[in-house]
Amino acid sequence: MLQTLVHYNIHFLLPLLVAFSFYRTIWFKAYLIMVATMVIDLDHLLATPIFDPNRCSINFHPLHTYWAMGFYMLLLFPKKTRLIGIGLVIHMIADAADCALM
């Protein structure tokens, strides 16, 4: 239960906090962009079983690898991709927290 609570709070509340703190004039748009990055979880469809509560996503699914995370970090630098990068990095933090609480 704690694992689920932490995971989803990071996924939804941390982007809201970032959006409201650093993108106050466009906070709702910034929040939606960051939350939309959860689409990378589509790579879970490649796994069998698709959902396993005891599986750590980090370095298991293709879009959750360390190589992918390096790319997500690079997205933080250009202003045009920064919100996407922030959303993806937050997503990886949520999944890493998930792994730590298993």
N, C-alpha and C. Protein backbone atom coordinates (compact mmCIF):
# COMPACT_ATOMS: atom_id res chain seq x y z
N MET A 1 0.82 -1.19 0.00
CA MET A 1 0.00 0.00 0.00
C MET A 1 0.87 1.26 0.00
N LEU A 2 1.91 1.28 0.86
CA LEU A 2 2.81 2.43 0.90
C LEU A 2 3.50 2.61 -0.45
N GLN A 3 3.90 1.50 -1.06
CA GLN A 3 4.56 1.55 -2.37
C GLN A 3 3.66 2.22 -3.40
N THR A 4 2.41 1.83 -3.45
CA THR A 4 1.45 2.41 -4.41
C THR A 4 1.21 3.88 -4.11
N LEU A 5 1.06 4.22 -2.86
CA LEU A 5 0.83 5.61 -2.46
C LEU A 5 2.00 6.50 -2.86
N VAL A 6 3.21 6.07 -2.57
CA VAL A 6 4.41 6.84 -2.92
C VAL A 6 4.53 6.96 -4.44
N HIS A 7 4.35 5.84 -5.14
CA HIS A 7 4.49 5.81 -6.60
C HIS A 7 3.56 6.81 -7.28
N TYR A 8 2.29 6.76 -6.96
CA TYR A 8 1.33 7.63 -7.65
C TYR A 8 1.38 9.07 -7.18
N ASN A 9 1.79 9.30 -5.94
CA ASN A 9 1.98 10.68 -5.50
C ASN A 9 3.14 11.32 -6.24
N ILE A 10 4.21 10.57 -6.47
CA ILE A 10 5.33 11.12 -7.24
C ILE A 10 4.87 11.37 -8.68
N HIS A 11 4.12 10.45 -9.25
CA HIS A 11 3.65 10.60 -10.63
C HIS A 11 2.75 11.81 -10.83
N PHE A 12 1.89 12.10 -9.88
CA PHE A 12 0.89 13.15 -10.08
C PHE A 12 1.11 14.42 -9.24
N LEU A 13 1.57 14.29 -8.02
CA LEU A 13 1.73 15.47 -7.18
C LEU A 13 3.05 16.19 -7.41
N LEU A 14 4.13 15.46 -7.65
CA LEU A 14 5.41 16.12 -7.89
C LEU A 14 5.37 16.97 -9.16
N PRO A 15 4.82 16.48 -10.29
CA PRO A 15 4.70 17.37 -11.46
C PRO A 15 3.84 18.61 -11.17
N LEU A 16 2.79 18.44 -10.37
CA LEU A 16 1.95 19.58 -10.01
C LEU A 16 2.75 20.60 -9.21
N LEU A 17 3.54 20.12 -8.27
CA LEU A 17 4.37 21.00 -7.46
C LEU A 17 5.41 21.73 -8.34
N VAL A 18 6.04 21.01 -9.25
CA VAL A 18 7.03 21.62 -10.16
C VAL A 18 6.34 22.64 -11.05
N ALA A 19 5.20 22.26 -11.63
CA ALA A 19 4.48 23.16 -12.53
C ALA A 19 4.07 24.44 -11.82
N PHE A 20 3.52 24.29 -10.64
CA PHE A 20 3.04 25.48 -9.92
C PHE A 20 4.19 26.33 -9.38
N SER A 21 5.31 25.71 -9.06
CA SER A 21 6.45 26.44 -8.50
C SER A 21 7.27 27.17 -9.56
N PHE A 22 7.49 26.50 -10.71
CA PHE A 22 8.42 27.05 -11.70
C PHE A 22 7.77 27.53 -12.99
N TYR A 23 6.52 27.17 -13.22
CA TYR A 23 5.81 27.55 -14.44
C TYR A 23 4.46 28.14 -14.08
N ARG A 24 4.46 29.04 -13.12
CA ARG A 24 3.22 29.56 -12.55
C ARG A 24 2.26 30.12 -13.59
N THR A 25 2.77 30.83 -14.60
CA THR A 25 1.87 31.45 -15.59
C THR A 25 1.24 30.43 -16.52
N ILE A 26 1.90 29.30 -16.72
CA ILE A 26 1.36 28.24 -17.58
C ILE A 26 1.31 26.91 -16.83
N TRP A 27 1.04 26.97 -15.54
CA TRP A 27 1.16 25.78 -14.69
C TRP A 27 0.32 24.61 -15.18
N PHE A 28 -0.89 24.86 -15.66
CA PHE A 28 -1.76 23.75 -16.07
C PHE A 28 -1.21 23.07 -17.32
N LYS A 29 -0.76 23.86 -18.29
CA LYS A 29 -0.15 23.30 -19.51
C LYS A 29 1.12 22.52 -19.15
N ALA A 30 1.95 23.09 -18.28
CA ALA A 30 3.18 22.41 -17.86
C ALA A 30 2.85 21.10 -17.17
N TYR A 31 1.85 21.11 -16.31
CA TYR A 31 1.43 19.90 -15.60
C TYR A 31 0.96 18.83 -16.58
N LEU A 32 0.13 19.22 -17.53
CA LEU A 32 -0.37 18.24 -18.51
C LEU A 32 0.75 17.64 -19.34
N ILE A 33 1.72 18.45 -19.74
CA ILE A 33 2.86 17.93 -20.51
C ILE A 33 3.64 16.92 -19.68
N MET A 34 3.92 17.26 -18.43
CA MET A 34 4.68 16.34 -17.58
C MET A 34 3.92 15.04 -17.31
N VAL A 35 2.63 15.13 -17.07
CA VAL A 35 1.83 13.93 -16.82
C VAL A 35 1.71 13.09 -18.10
N ALA A 36 1.68 13.75 -19.26
CA ALA A 36 1.56 13.03 -20.53
C ALA A 36 2.78 12.14 -20.81
N THR A 37 3.89 12.41 -20.14
CA THR A 37 5.07 11.57 -20.37
C THR A 37 4.89 10.16 -19.83
N MET A 38 3.82 9.93 -19.11
CA MET A 38 3.55 8.57 -18.64
C MET A 38 3.27 7.61 -19.78
N VAL A 39 3.13 8.15 -20.97
CA VAL A 39 2.91 7.31 -22.15
C VAL A 39 4.09 6.34 -22.35
N ILE A 40 5.25 6.64 -21.77
CA ILE A 40 6.37 5.73 -21.92
C ILE A 40 6.11 4.39 -21.26
N ASP A 41 5.08 4.31 -20.43
CA ASP A 41 4.73 3.03 -19.82
C ASP A 41 4.12 2.05 -20.83
N LEU A 42 3.92 2.50 -22.06
CA LEU A 42 3.45 1.57 -23.09
C LEU A 42 4.44 0.45 -23.32
N ASP A 43 5.71 0.67 -22.96
CA ASP A 43 6.70 -0.40 -23.13
C ASP A 43 6.42 -1.58 -22.19
N HIS A 44 5.55 -1.40 -21.22
CA HIS A 44 5.16 -2.51 -20.35
C HIS A 44 4.37 -3.56 -21.14
N LEU A 45 3.78 -3.14 -22.25
CA LEU A 45 3.02 -4.08 -23.08
C LEU A 45 3.92 -5.14 -23.71
N LEU A 46 5.22 -4.89 -23.75
CA LEU A 46 6.17 -5.84 -24.33
C LEU A 46 6.56 -6.94 -23.36
N ALA A 47 6.20 -6.80 -22.10
CA ALA A 47 6.59 -7.76 -21.07
C ALA A 47 5.51 -8.81 -20.86
N THR A 48 5.95 -9.97 -20.38
CA THR A 48 5.02 -11.03 -20.02
C THR A 48 5.32 -11.44 -18.59
N PRO A 49 4.39 -11.29 -17.68
CA PRO A 49 3.09 -10.66 -17.83
C PRO A 49 3.24 -9.14 -17.96
N ILE A 50 2.21 -8.50 -18.48
CA ILE A 50 2.26 -7.06 -18.69
C ILE A 50 2.47 -6.34 -17.37
N PHE A 51 1.79 -6.75 -16.32
CA PHE A 51 1.96 -6.13 -15.00
C PHE A 51 2.39 -7.18 -14.00
N ASP A 52 3.47 -6.89 -13.32
CA ASP A 52 3.95 -7.75 -12.24
C ASP A 52 4.32 -6.82 -11.08
N PRO A 53 3.55 -6.85 -10.00
CA PRO A 53 3.80 -5.92 -8.90
C PRO A 53 5.16 -6.13 -8.23
N ASN A 54 5.79 -7.27 -8.46
CA ASN A 54 7.09 -7.55 -7.86
C ASN A 54 8.25 -7.36 -8.83
N ARG A 55 8.00 -6.72 -9.96
CA ARG A 55 9.06 -6.49 -10.94
C ARG A 55 9.47 -5.03 -10.91
N CYS A 56 10.76 -4.80 -10.90
CA CYS A 56 11.29 -3.45 -10.96
C CYS A 56 11.36 -3.02 -12.43
N SER A 57 10.73 -1.92 -12.76
CA SER A 57 10.71 -1.44 -14.15
C SER A 57 12.07 -0.93 -14.60
N ILE A 58 12.85 -0.42 -13.66
CA ILE A 58 14.14 0.18 -14.01
C ILE A 58 15.07 -0.87 -14.60
N ASN A 59 15.53 -0.57 -15.79
CA ASN A 59 16.44 -1.41 -16.58
C ASN A 59 15.81 -2.74 -16.99
N PHE A 60 14.49 -2.84 -16.92
CA PHE A 60 13.79 -4.03 -17.41
C PHE A 60 13.07 -3.71 -18.72
N HIS A 61 12.28 -2.65 -18.71
CA HIS A 61 11.54 -2.24 -19.90
C HIS A 61 12.42 -1.33 -20.76
N PRO A 62 12.28 -1.40 -22.09
CA PRO A 62 13.17 -0.63 -22.98
C PRO A 62 13.22 0.87 -22.72
N LEU A 63 12.11 1.49 -22.40
CA LEU A 63 12.10 2.93 -22.16
C LEU A 63 12.41 3.30 -20.71
N HIS A 64 12.80 2.29 -19.93
CA HIS A 64 13.17 2.50 -18.53
C HIS A 64 14.63 2.10 -18.28
N THR A 65 15.42 2.01 -19.33
CA THR A 65 16.82 1.62 -19.20
C THR A 65 17.68 2.82 -18.82
N TYR A 66 18.89 2.52 -18.38
CA TYR A 66 19.81 3.60 -18.03
C TYR A 66 20.17 4.44 -19.25
N TRP A 67 20.25 3.81 -20.42
CA TRP A 67 20.51 4.56 -21.65
C TRP A 67 19.39 5.55 -21.93
N ALA A 68 18.16 5.09 -21.79
CA ALA A 68 17.01 5.97 -22.00
C ALA A 68 17.02 7.10 -20.98
N MET A 69 17.37 6.79 -19.74
CA MET A 69 17.41 7.82 -18.70
C MET A 69 18.46 8.88 -19.01
N GLY A 70 19.57 8.47 -19.60
CA GLY A 70 20.58 9.44 -20.02
C GLY A 70 20.02 10.40 -21.06
N PHE A 71 19.24 9.85 -21.99
CA PHE A 71 18.59 10.69 -23.00
C PHE A 71 17.58 11.64 -22.36
N TYR A 72 16.82 11.14 -21.38
CA TYR A 72 15.85 11.99 -20.70
C TYR A 72 16.54 13.15 -19.98
N MET A 73 17.71 12.87 -19.43
CA MET A 73 18.48 13.93 -18.77
C MET A 73 18.92 14.99 -19.78
N LEU A 74 19.28 14.56 -20.98
CA LEU A 74 19.68 15.53 -22.02
C LEU A 74 18.51 16.42 -22.43
N LEU A 75 17.29 15.91 -22.34
CA LEU A 75 16.11 16.70 -22.69
C LEU A 75 15.89 17.86 -21.72
N LEU A 76 16.55 17.83 -20.59
CA LEU A 76 16.39 18.91 -19.60
C LEU A 76 17.07 20.21 -20.04
N PHE A 77 18.05 20.12 -20.92
CA PHE A 77 18.83 21.30 -21.28
C PHE A 77 18.17 22.24 -22.28
N PRO A 78 17.68 21.75 -23.44
CA PRO A 78 17.00 22.70 -24.35
C PRO A 78 15.67 23.15 -23.75
N LYS A 79 15.40 24.41 -23.84
CA LYS A 79 14.16 24.96 -23.27
C LYS A 79 12.92 24.31 -23.89
N LYS A 80 12.98 24.00 -25.18
CA LYS A 80 11.80 23.44 -25.88
C LYS A 80 11.44 22.04 -25.40
N THR A 81 12.40 21.30 -24.87
CA THR A 81 12.12 19.92 -24.43
C THR A 81 12.18 19.76 -22.92
N ARG A 82 12.39 20.86 -22.21
CA ARG A 82 12.61 20.78 -20.76
C ARG A 82 11.43 20.16 -20.01
N LEU A 83 10.21 20.55 -20.31
CA LEU A 83 9.05 19.99 -19.59
C LEU A 83 8.91 18.49 -19.84
N ILE A 84 9.18 18.07 -21.05
CA ILE A 84 9.14 16.64 -21.36
C ILE A 84 10.23 15.92 -20.56
N GLY A 85 11.42 16.51 -20.54
CA GLY A 85 12.52 15.92 -19.78
C GLY A 85 12.21 15.84 -18.30
N ILE A 86 11.64 16.91 -17.75
CA ILE A 86 11.28 16.91 -16.33
C ILE A 86 10.25 15.81 -16.05
N GLY A 87 9.25 15.70 -16.91
CA GLY A 87 8.23 14.67 -16.74
C GLY A 87 8.81 13.27 -16.78
N LEU A 88 9.73 13.04 -17.72
CA LEU A 88 10.34 11.72 -17.85
C LEU A 88 11.26 11.40 -16.66
N VAL A 89 12.00 12.39 -16.21
CA VAL A 89 12.87 12.18 -15.05
C VAL A 89 12.02 11.91 -13.80
N ILE A 90 10.95 12.65 -13.62
CA ILE A 90 10.05 12.40 -12.49
C ILE A 90 9.47 10.99 -12.59
N HIS A 91 9.13 10.56 -13.79
CA HIS A 91 8.61 9.21 -14.00
C HIS A 91 9.64 8.17 -13.55
N MET A 92 10.90 8.39 -13.91
CA MET A 92 11.95 7.45 -13.52
C MET A 92 12.16 7.47 -12.01
N ILE A 93 12.03 8.65 -11.39
CA ILE A 93 12.14 8.73 -9.93
C ILE A 93 11.01 7.94 -9.27
N ALA A 94 9.81 8.05 -9.82
CA ALA A 94 8.65 7.30 -9.28
C ALA A 94 8.90 5.80 -9.40
N ASP A 95 9.40 5.37 -10.54
CA ASP A 95 9.65 3.94 -10.73
C ASP A 95 10.82 3.45 -9.88
N ALA A 96 11.83 4.29 -9.69
CA ALA A 96 12.95 3.91 -8.83
C ALA A 96 12.48 3.80 -7.36
N ALA A 97 11.61 4.72 -6.95
CA ALA A 97 11.07 4.65 -5.60
C ALA A 97 10.25 3.37 -5.43
N ASP A 98 9.54 3.01 -6.48
CA ASP A 98 8.77 1.77 -6.50
C ASP A 98 9.69 0.57 -6.24
N CYS A 99 10.81 0.57 -6.93
CA CYS A 99 11.78 -0.54 -6.79
C CYS A 99 12.36 -0.57 -5.37
N ALA A 100 12.64 0.61 -4.83
CA ALA A 100 13.25 0.68 -3.50
C ALA A 100 12.29 0.20 -2.41
N LEU A 101 11.00 0.34 -2.64
CA LEU A 101 10.01 -0.04 -1.62
C LEU A 101 9.51 -1.47 -1.78
N MET A 102 10.05 -2.21 -2.71
CA MET A 102 9.61 -3.61 -2.90
C MET A 102 10.10 -4.47 -1.76
